[in-house]
N, C-alpha and C. Protein backbone atom coordinates (compact mmCIF):
# COMPACT_ATOMS: atom_id res chain seq x y z
N MET A 1 11.29 1.72 11.45
CA MET A 1 10.30 2.50 11.91
C MET A 1 9.38 1.70 12.67
N LEU A 2 9.07 2.20 13.65
CA LEU A 2 7.92 1.26 14.59
C LEU A 2 6.65 1.78 14.08
N CYS A 3 5.92 0.96 14.03
CA CYS A 3 4.40 0.92 13.42
C CYS A 3 3.37 0.88 14.95
N LEU A 4 2.47 1.43 14.93
CA LEU A 4 1.57 0.98 16.19
C LEU A 4 0.20 0.26 15.30
N ALA A 5 -0.04 -0.38 16.48
CA ALA A 5 -1.21 -0.96 16.01
C ALA A 5 -2.26 -0.89 16.92
N VAL A 6 -3.75 -0.91 16.38
CA VAL A 6 -4.80 -0.66 17.43
C VAL A 6 -5.41 -1.87 17.55
N LEU A 7 -5.49 -2.40 18.86
CA LEU A 7 -6.21 -3.63 19.24
C LEU A 7 -7.58 -3.17 20.05
N MET A 8 -8.49 -3.30 19.14
CA MET A 8 -10.03 -3.09 19.90
C MET A 8 -10.43 -4.45 20.39
N SER A 9 -10.85 -4.30 21.52
CA SER A 9 -11.42 -5.75 21.92
C SER A 9 -12.98 -5.86 21.91
N ALA A 10 -13.37 -6.91 21.57
CA ALA A 10 -14.72 -7.14 21.48
C ALA A 10 -15.09 -8.62 21.88
N CYS A 11 -14.95 -8.83 23.43
CA CYS A 11 -14.99 -10.09 23.80
C CYS A 11 -16.70 -10.40 24.08
N SER A 12 -16.87 -11.39 23.51
CA SER A 12 -18.45 -12.10 23.98
C SER A 12 -18.63 -12.58 25.34
N ASP A 13 -19.54 -12.29 25.91
CA ASP A 13 -19.68 -12.64 27.26
C ASP A 13 -19.37 -13.93 27.83
N GLU A 14 -19.45 -14.90 26.79
CA GLU A 14 -18.96 -16.20 27.38
C GLU A 14 -17.42 -16.22 27.42
N HIS A 15 -16.63 -15.42 26.70
CA HIS A 15 -15.16 -15.72 26.51
C HIS A 15 -14.27 -14.39 27.53
N ALA A 16 -15.14 -13.50 28.04
CA ALA A 16 -14.47 -12.63 28.79
C ALA A 16 -15.55 -12.04 29.89
N SER A 17 -14.75 -11.62 31.26
CA SER A 17 -15.63 -11.27 32.31
C SER A 17 -15.34 -9.60 32.35
N VAL A 18 -14.76 -9.32 31.62
CA VAL A 18 -14.51 -7.68 31.45
C VAL A 18 -14.28 -7.26 30.20
N MET A 19 -14.85 -6.01 29.65
CA MET A 19 -14.59 -5.84 28.34
C MET A 19 -14.27 -4.21 28.71
N PRO A 20 -12.87 -3.96 28.10
CA PRO A 20 -12.28 -2.68 28.25
C PRO A 20 -13.10 -1.58 27.43
N ASP A 21 -13.23 -0.35 27.96
CA ASP A 21 -14.21 0.80 27.50
C ASP A 21 -13.11 1.15 26.34
N LEU A 22 -12.04 1.34 26.42
CA LEU A 22 -11.21 1.93 25.58
C LEU A 22 -10.44 1.04 24.39
N ALA A 23 -10.11 1.31 23.21
CA ALA A 23 -8.90 0.77 22.44
C ALA A 23 -7.56 0.70 22.94
N VAL A 24 -7.01 -0.29 22.85
CA VAL A 24 -5.33 0.00 23.54
C VAL A 24 -4.52 -0.06 22.35
N VAL A 25 -3.68 0.80 22.54
CA VAL A 25 -2.21 1.09 21.50
C VAL A 25 -1.31 -0.12 21.68
N VAL A 26 -1.31 -0.89 20.87
CA VAL A 26 -0.16 -2.09 21.23
C VAL A 26 1.01 -1.97 19.79
N PRO A 27 2.36 -2.11 20.34
CA PRO A 27 3.11 -2.08 19.43
C PRO A 27 3.35 -3.52 18.78
N PRO A 28 3.63 -3.44 17.60
CA PRO A 28 3.89 -4.88 17.02
C PRO A 28 4.60 -5.65 17.84
N PHE A 29 4.62 -6.98 18.22
CA PHE A 29 5.62 -7.71 18.66
C PHE A 29 6.56 -8.41 18.02
N CYS A 30 6.33 -8.39 16.61
CA CYS A 30 7.55 -9.02 15.88
C CYS A 30 7.55 -8.04 14.48
N VAL A 31 8.43 -8.07 13.69
CA VAL A 31 8.63 -7.12 12.62
C VAL A 31 8.01 -7.97 11.18
N ASP A 32 8.64 -8.94 11.01
CA ASP A 32 8.65 -9.85 9.97
C ASP A 32 8.87 -11.24 9.99
N ALA A 33 7.91 -11.90 9.15
CA ALA A 33 7.67 -13.29 9.21
C ALA A 33 9.01 -13.91 8.46
N ALA A 34 9.75 -13.09 7.80
CA ALA A 34 10.92 -13.50 7.21
C ALA A 34 12.10 -13.96 8.37
N SER A 35 11.82 -12.85 9.53
CA SER A 35 12.72 -13.22 10.85
C SER A 35 11.88 -13.51 11.76
N PRO A 36 11.66 -14.82 11.88
CA PRO A 36 10.75 -15.36 12.99
C PRO A 36 11.41 -15.26 14.34
N LEU A 37 10.57 -15.04 15.49
CA LEU A 37 11.01 -15.19 16.80
C LEU A 37 11.46 -16.78 17.34
N ALA A 38 12.37 -17.04 18.11
CA ALA A 38 12.31 -18.54 18.38
C ALA A 38 10.96 -18.81 19.06
N PRO A 39 10.51 -20.21 18.60
CA PRO A 39 9.21 -20.56 19.18
C PRO A 39 9.37 -21.26 20.63
N THR A 40 9.64 -20.16 21.40
CA THR A 40 9.75 -20.79 23.07
C THR A 40 8.53 -20.22 23.75
N TYR A 41 8.26 -20.57 24.67
CA TYR A 41 7.15 -20.32 25.78
C TYR A 41 7.18 -18.94 26.14
N ASP A 42 8.36 -18.31 26.50
CA ASP A 42 8.60 -17.16 26.82
C ASP A 42 7.94 -16.14 25.90
N ASN A 43 8.21 -16.20 24.32
CA ASN A 43 8.03 -15.48 23.35
C ASN A 43 6.43 -15.49 23.23
N VAL A 44 6.02 -16.90 23.08
CA VAL A 44 4.29 -17.14 22.93
C VAL A 44 3.55 -16.57 23.88
N SER A 45 4.02 -16.76 25.26
CA SER A 45 3.26 -16.39 26.51
C SER A 45 3.49 -14.71 26.40
N ARG A 46 4.44 -13.95 25.94
CA ARG A 46 4.45 -12.54 25.88
C ARG A 46 3.43 -12.22 24.81
N LEU A 47 3.51 -12.69 23.80
CA LEU A 47 2.32 -12.40 22.47
C LEU A 47 0.93 -12.76 23.15
N PHE A 48 0.86 -13.61 23.69
CA PHE A 48 -0.62 -13.91 24.45
C PHE A 48 -1.07 -12.91 25.34
N ALA A 49 -0.05 -12.40 26.04
CA ALA A 49 -0.25 -11.27 26.86
C ALA A 49 -0.78 -10.03 26.54
N MET A 50 0.13 -9.74 25.17
CA MET A 50 -0.19 -8.50 24.44
C MET A 50 -1.48 -8.56 23.73
N ARG A 51 -1.91 -9.85 23.02
CA ARG A 51 -2.96 -9.64 22.14
C ARG A 51 -4.19 -10.57 22.43
N CYS A 52 -4.28 -11.53 23.55
CA CYS A 52 -5.16 -12.27 23.66
C CYS A 52 -5.67 -12.20 25.07
N THR A 53 -5.18 -12.06 26.11
CA THR A 53 -5.39 -11.98 27.57
C THR A 53 -6.69 -10.99 28.08
N THR A 54 -6.76 -10.07 26.99
CA THR A 54 -7.83 -9.14 27.27
C THR A 54 -9.23 -10.02 27.73
N CYS A 55 -9.21 -11.03 26.26
CA CYS A 55 -10.74 -11.62 26.26
C CYS A 55 -10.47 -13.23 27.00
N HIS A 56 -8.90 -13.65 26.97
CA HIS A 56 -8.72 -15.05 27.31
C HIS A 56 -7.78 -15.15 28.47
N GLU A 57 -8.45 -14.62 29.59
CA GLU A 57 -7.99 -14.82 30.92
C GLU A 57 -8.94 -15.03 32.24
N GLY A 58 -8.80 -16.02 32.80
CA GLY A 58 -9.72 -16.38 33.64
C GLY A 58 -11.07 -17.03 33.05
N THR A 59 -10.64 -17.70 32.03
CA THR A 59 -11.90 -18.48 31.12
C THR A 59 -11.54 -19.99 30.93
N ASP A 60 -12.31 -20.53 30.03
CA ASP A 60 -12.13 -22.19 29.79
C ASP A 60 -10.71 -22.40 28.96
N VAL A 61 -10.26 -21.20 28.28
CA VAL A 61 -9.20 -20.87 27.57
C VAL A 61 -8.47 -19.93 28.08
N ASP A 62 -7.73 -20.07 29.07
CA ASP A 62 -7.13 -19.19 29.59
C ASP A 62 -5.43 -19.08 29.05
N LEU A 63 -5.21 -17.71 28.66
CA LEU A 63 -4.03 -17.75 28.01
C LEU A 63 -3.05 -16.79 28.73
N SER A 64 -3.04 -16.74 30.12
CA SER A 64 -2.13 -16.13 31.03
C SER A 64 -1.03 -17.21 31.06
N ARG A 65 0.02 -16.58 31.25
CA ARG A 65 1.32 -17.04 31.46
C ARG A 65 1.30 -18.29 31.96
N ASP A 66 0.58 -18.35 33.55
CA ASP A 66 0.59 -19.25 34.58
C ASP A 66 -0.38 -20.34 34.02
N ARG A 67 -1.22 -20.18 33.20
CA ARG A 67 -2.34 -21.07 32.99
C ARG A 67 -2.34 -21.60 31.51
N ALA A 68 -1.67 -20.84 30.44
CA ALA A 68 -2.00 -21.51 28.98
C ALA A 68 -1.62 -22.84 28.79
N ILE A 69 -0.45 -23.27 29.16
CA ILE A 69 -0.12 -24.73 28.98
C ILE A 69 -1.29 -25.41 29.30
N ALA A 70 -1.75 -25.51 30.47
CA ALA A 70 -2.95 -26.24 31.24
C ALA A 70 -4.27 -26.14 30.40
N THR A 71 -4.46 -25.08 29.68
CA THR A 71 -5.67 -25.04 29.27
C THR A 71 -5.75 -25.05 27.58
N LEU A 72 -4.51 -25.32 26.94
CA LEU A 72 -4.47 -25.47 25.34
C LEU A 72 -3.91 -27.02 25.44
N VAL A 73 -2.89 -27.40 25.89
CA VAL A 73 -2.18 -28.45 25.40
C VAL A 73 -2.92 -29.84 25.47
N ARG A 74 -3.26 -30.40 24.49
CA ARG A 74 -4.07 -31.51 24.58
C ARG A 74 -5.41 -31.60 25.19
N ARG A 75 -6.00 -30.16 25.12
CA ARG A 75 -7.34 -29.94 25.52
C ARG A 75 -8.44 -29.84 24.46
N ALA A 76 -9.52 -30.51 24.71
CA ALA A 76 -10.63 -30.11 23.86
C ALA A 76 -11.07 -28.92 23.56
N VAL A 77 -11.57 -28.46 22.42
CA VAL A 77 -12.17 -26.93 22.43
C VAL A 77 -13.46 -27.11 23.24
N PRO A 78 -13.53 -25.97 24.10
CA PRO A 78 -14.82 -26.10 24.81
C PRO A 78 -15.91 -25.59 24.23
N SER A 79 -16.85 -25.97 24.82
CA SER A 79 -18.21 -25.67 23.95
C SER A 79 -19.15 -24.49 24.89
N TYR A 80 -19.55 -23.56 23.85
CA TYR A 80 -20.19 -22.48 24.33
C TYR A 80 -21.72 -22.40 23.89
N GLU A 81 -22.53 -21.89 24.50
CA GLU A 81 -23.95 -22.07 24.16
C GLU A 81 -24.29 -21.32 22.72
N SER A 82 -23.40 -20.08 22.47
CA SER A 82 -23.57 -19.44 21.30
C SER A 82 -22.86 -20.04 20.17
N THR A 83 -21.87 -20.95 20.10
CA THR A 83 -21.23 -21.54 19.08
C THR A 83 -20.81 -22.99 19.50
N ASP A 84 -21.06 -23.78 18.58
CA ASP A 84 -20.40 -25.08 18.34
C ASP A 84 -19.28 -25.17 17.91
N GLU A 85 -18.06 -25.37 18.68
CA GLU A 85 -16.81 -25.15 17.97
C GLU A 85 -16.09 -26.73 18.12
N SER A 86 -16.55 -27.30 18.23
CA SER A 86 -16.39 -28.96 18.52
C SER A 86 -15.80 -29.59 17.20
N CYS A 87 -15.64 -28.95 16.22
CA CYS A 87 -15.30 -29.30 14.86
C CYS A 87 -13.74 -29.14 15.17
N GLY A 88 -13.17 -28.40 15.99
CA GLY A 88 -11.94 -27.93 16.21
C GLY A 88 -11.15 -28.91 16.87
N GLY A 89 -11.48 -30.07 17.67
CA GLY A 89 -10.93 -31.15 17.99
C GLY A 89 -10.32 -30.76 19.19
N LEU A 90 -8.76 -30.75 19.14
CA LEU A 90 -7.94 -30.41 20.34
C LEU A 90 -7.16 -28.99 20.06
N LEU A 91 -6.94 -28.24 21.08
CA LEU A 91 -6.64 -26.81 20.75
C LEU A 91 -5.40 -26.68 20.51
N VAL A 92 -4.29 -27.49 20.95
CA VAL A 92 -3.13 -27.77 20.79
C VAL A 92 -2.75 -29.01 20.74
N VAL A 93 -1.98 -29.81 19.63
CA VAL A 93 -1.50 -30.94 19.79
C VAL A 93 -0.10 -30.71 19.51
N PRO A 94 0.81 -31.08 20.44
CA PRO A 94 2.12 -30.86 20.25
C PRO A 94 2.69 -31.31 18.99
N GLY A 95 3.46 -30.56 18.43
CA GLY A 95 4.19 -31.07 17.18
C GLY A 95 3.48 -31.03 15.84
N ASP A 96 2.04 -30.72 15.86
CA ASP A 96 1.07 -30.84 14.54
C ASP A 96 0.42 -29.48 14.83
N ALA A 97 0.79 -28.44 14.36
CA ALA A 97 -0.32 -27.37 14.16
C ALA A 97 -1.30 -27.49 12.99
N GLY A 98 -1.10 -28.35 12.09
CA GLY A 98 -2.27 -28.69 11.18
C GLY A 98 -3.48 -29.20 11.76
N VAL A 99 -3.30 -29.67 12.72
CA VAL A 99 -4.62 -30.40 13.49
C VAL A 99 -4.85 -29.69 14.55
N SER A 100 -4.19 -28.59 15.23
CA SER A 100 -4.50 -27.95 16.28
C SER A 100 -5.36 -26.51 16.20
N TYR A 101 -6.60 -26.53 16.84
CA TYR A 101 -7.67 -25.59 16.38
C TYR A 101 -7.01 -24.20 16.86
N LEU A 102 -6.02 -24.26 17.76
CA LEU A 102 -5.47 -22.53 18.22
C LEU A 102 -4.80 -22.07 16.37
N ALA A 103 -4.14 -22.98 15.98
CA ALA A 103 -3.53 -22.70 14.96
C ALA A 103 -4.50 -22.12 13.63
N GLN A 104 -5.54 -23.00 13.57
CA GLN A 104 -6.63 -22.74 12.62
C GLN A 104 -7.29 -21.25 12.98
N LYS A 105 -7.35 -21.06 14.37
CA LYS A 105 -8.15 -19.89 14.82
C LYS A 105 -7.40 -18.59 14.59
N VAL A 106 -6.08 -18.56 14.51
CA VAL A 106 -5.23 -17.51 14.30
C VAL A 106 -4.71 -17.28 12.86
N THR A 107 -4.94 -18.29 12.17
CA THR A 107 -4.29 -18.43 10.79
C THR A 107 -5.25 -18.31 9.52
N SER A 108 -6.46 -18.71 9.94
CA SER A 108 -7.59 -18.86 8.88
C SER A 108 -8.78 -17.88 8.92
N ALA A 109 -8.94 -17.39 7.95
CA ALA A 109 -10.08 -16.25 8.02
C ALA A 109 -11.32 -16.78 8.15
N THR A 110 -11.36 -18.39 7.56
CA THR A 110 -12.79 -19.19 7.88
C THR A 110 -12.40 -20.22 8.63
N PRO A 111 -12.07 -20.15 10.03
CA PRO A 111 -12.11 -21.36 10.65
C PRO A 111 -13.22 -22.42 10.55
N CYS A 112 -13.43 -23.44 11.00
CA CYS A 112 -14.44 -24.46 10.98
C CYS A 112 -15.72 -24.02 11.73
N ALA A 113 -15.35 -22.90 12.67
CA ALA A 113 -16.51 -22.43 13.49
C ALA A 113 -15.86 -21.05 14.02
N GLY A 114 -16.98 -20.20 14.49
CA GLY A 114 -16.46 -19.15 14.80
C GLY A 114 -16.08 -18.23 14.01
N ALA A 115 -15.20 -17.23 14.53
CA ALA A 115 -14.30 -16.09 13.96
C ALA A 115 -12.77 -16.32 13.96
N GLN A 116 -12.09 -15.87 13.20
CA GLN A 116 -10.65 -15.80 13.22
C GLN A 116 -10.42 -14.96 14.62
N MET A 117 -9.15 -15.38 15.02
CA MET A 117 -8.92 -14.52 16.49
C MET A 117 -7.53 -13.74 16.21
N PRO A 118 -7.32 -12.70 16.75
CA PRO A 118 -8.37 -12.07 17.83
C PRO A 118 -9.62 -11.32 17.06
N ARG A 119 -10.61 -11.29 17.98
CA ARG A 119 -11.72 -10.54 17.21
C ARG A 119 -11.59 -9.00 17.82
N GLY A 120 -12.02 -8.12 16.87
CA GLY A 120 -11.78 -6.82 17.22
C GLY A 120 -13.14 -6.27 17.49
N GLU A 121 -13.47 -4.98 17.62
CA GLU A 121 -14.87 -4.55 17.88
C GLU A 121 -15.74 -4.70 17.07
N PHE A 122 -15.42 -4.59 15.66
CA PHE A 122 -16.59 -5.03 14.34
C PHE A 122 -16.30 -6.08 13.66
N ALA A 123 -15.12 -6.83 13.92
CA ALA A 123 -14.56 -8.04 13.18
C ALA A 123 -13.35 -8.31 13.53
N SER A 124 -13.13 -9.69 12.84
CA SER A 124 -11.62 -10.28 13.21
C SER A 124 -10.63 -9.38 12.64
N GLN A 125 -9.26 -9.05 13.35
CA GLN A 125 -8.28 -8.57 13.17
C GLN A 125 -7.04 -9.59 12.89
N ALA A 126 -6.76 -10.17 11.91
CA ALA A 126 -5.82 -11.23 11.97
C ALA A 126 -4.62 -10.59 12.64
N LEU A 127 -3.78 -11.26 13.44
CA LEU A 127 -2.45 -11.09 13.64
C LEU A 127 -1.77 -11.19 12.41
N PRO A 128 -0.47 -9.97 12.70
CA PRO A 128 0.32 -10.22 11.65
C PRO A 128 1.09 -11.13 11.36
N MET A 129 1.53 -11.64 10.24
CA MET A 129 2.01 -12.87 9.84
C MET A 129 3.36 -13.50 10.88
N CYS A 130 4.13 -12.62 11.24
CA CYS A 130 5.27 -13.16 12.00
C CYS A 130 4.63 -13.32 13.41
N GLU A 131 3.29 -13.13 13.89
CA GLU A 131 2.73 -13.46 15.02
C GLU A 131 2.15 -14.70 14.88
N GLN A 132 1.47 -14.91 13.53
CA GLN A 132 0.81 -16.14 13.33
C GLN A 132 1.87 -17.24 13.23
N ARG A 133 2.97 -16.77 12.76
CA ARG A 133 4.00 -17.86 12.58
C ARG A 133 4.64 -18.29 13.73
N LEU A 134 4.86 -17.42 14.84
CA LEU A 134 5.35 -17.91 15.98
C LEU A 134 4.53 -18.70 16.79
N ILE A 135 3.34 -18.35 16.75
CA ILE A 135 2.10 -19.47 17.32
C ILE A 135 2.35 -21.12 16.79
N VAL A 136 2.41 -21.09 15.31
CA VAL A 136 2.41 -22.17 14.69
C VAL A 136 3.88 -22.84 14.77
N ASP A 137 4.88 -22.20 14.86
CA ASP A 137 6.05 -22.56 15.15
C ASP A 137 6.25 -23.26 16.41
N TRP A 138 5.75 -22.41 17.29
CA TRP A 138 5.71 -23.12 18.67
C TRP A 138 5.07 -24.33 18.91
N ILE A 139 4.02 -24.72 18.33
CA ILE A 139 3.16 -25.74 18.25
C ILE A 139 3.78 -26.80 17.48
N ASN A 140 4.59 -26.45 16.35
CA ASN A 140 5.39 -27.65 15.75
C ASN A 140 6.67 -28.03 16.50
N ALA A 141 7.17 -26.71 17.28
CA ALA A 141 8.23 -27.24 18.06
C ALA A 141 7.80 -28.05 19.14
N GLY A 142 6.65 -28.52 19.30
CA GLY A 142 6.17 -29.61 20.34
C GLY A 142 5.45 -28.97 21.50
N SER A 143 5.21 -27.32 21.44
CA SER A 143 4.69 -26.66 22.62
C SER A 143 5.19 -26.68 23.94
N PRO A 144 6.80 -26.32 23.89
CA PRO A 144 7.41 -26.60 24.79
C PRO A 144 6.95 -25.30 25.93
N GLY A 145 7.05 -25.84 27.19
CA GLY A 145 6.37 -24.99 28.39
C GLY A 145 7.25 -24.16 29.05
N PRO A 146 7.09 -23.34 30.08
CA PRO A 146 8.24 -22.58 30.54
C PRO A 146 9.24 -23.48 31.62
């Protein structure tokens, strides 16, 4: 059975240039954390396109296919006027999701700063476990690029 998830965007001004007016119905990217997808850049970039680029495209943390590696891997967490996320260190440390801020932001309900990603209209809406695992596995696999 294919379930549908509702992705409601609530990007703050410093994180996005455009906020959609309507919620987007997004099918689940993966079904089950017990059957993980291969931690390839193709799979991660497709996940980013489905769940993240509404807010994270054309920004300091650009998760579009052509820019994600350059803006994530070994890059410091950008500072925004409204939040100090410097506690995060580096966004992605290849091979070590345990110290990668991206992994913290998608897996922790209480990251060291800000809110869990992705943010919904009223609150964070955690990714399904299989999607969280894909990101963590990709980082632990060395964050391979295209």
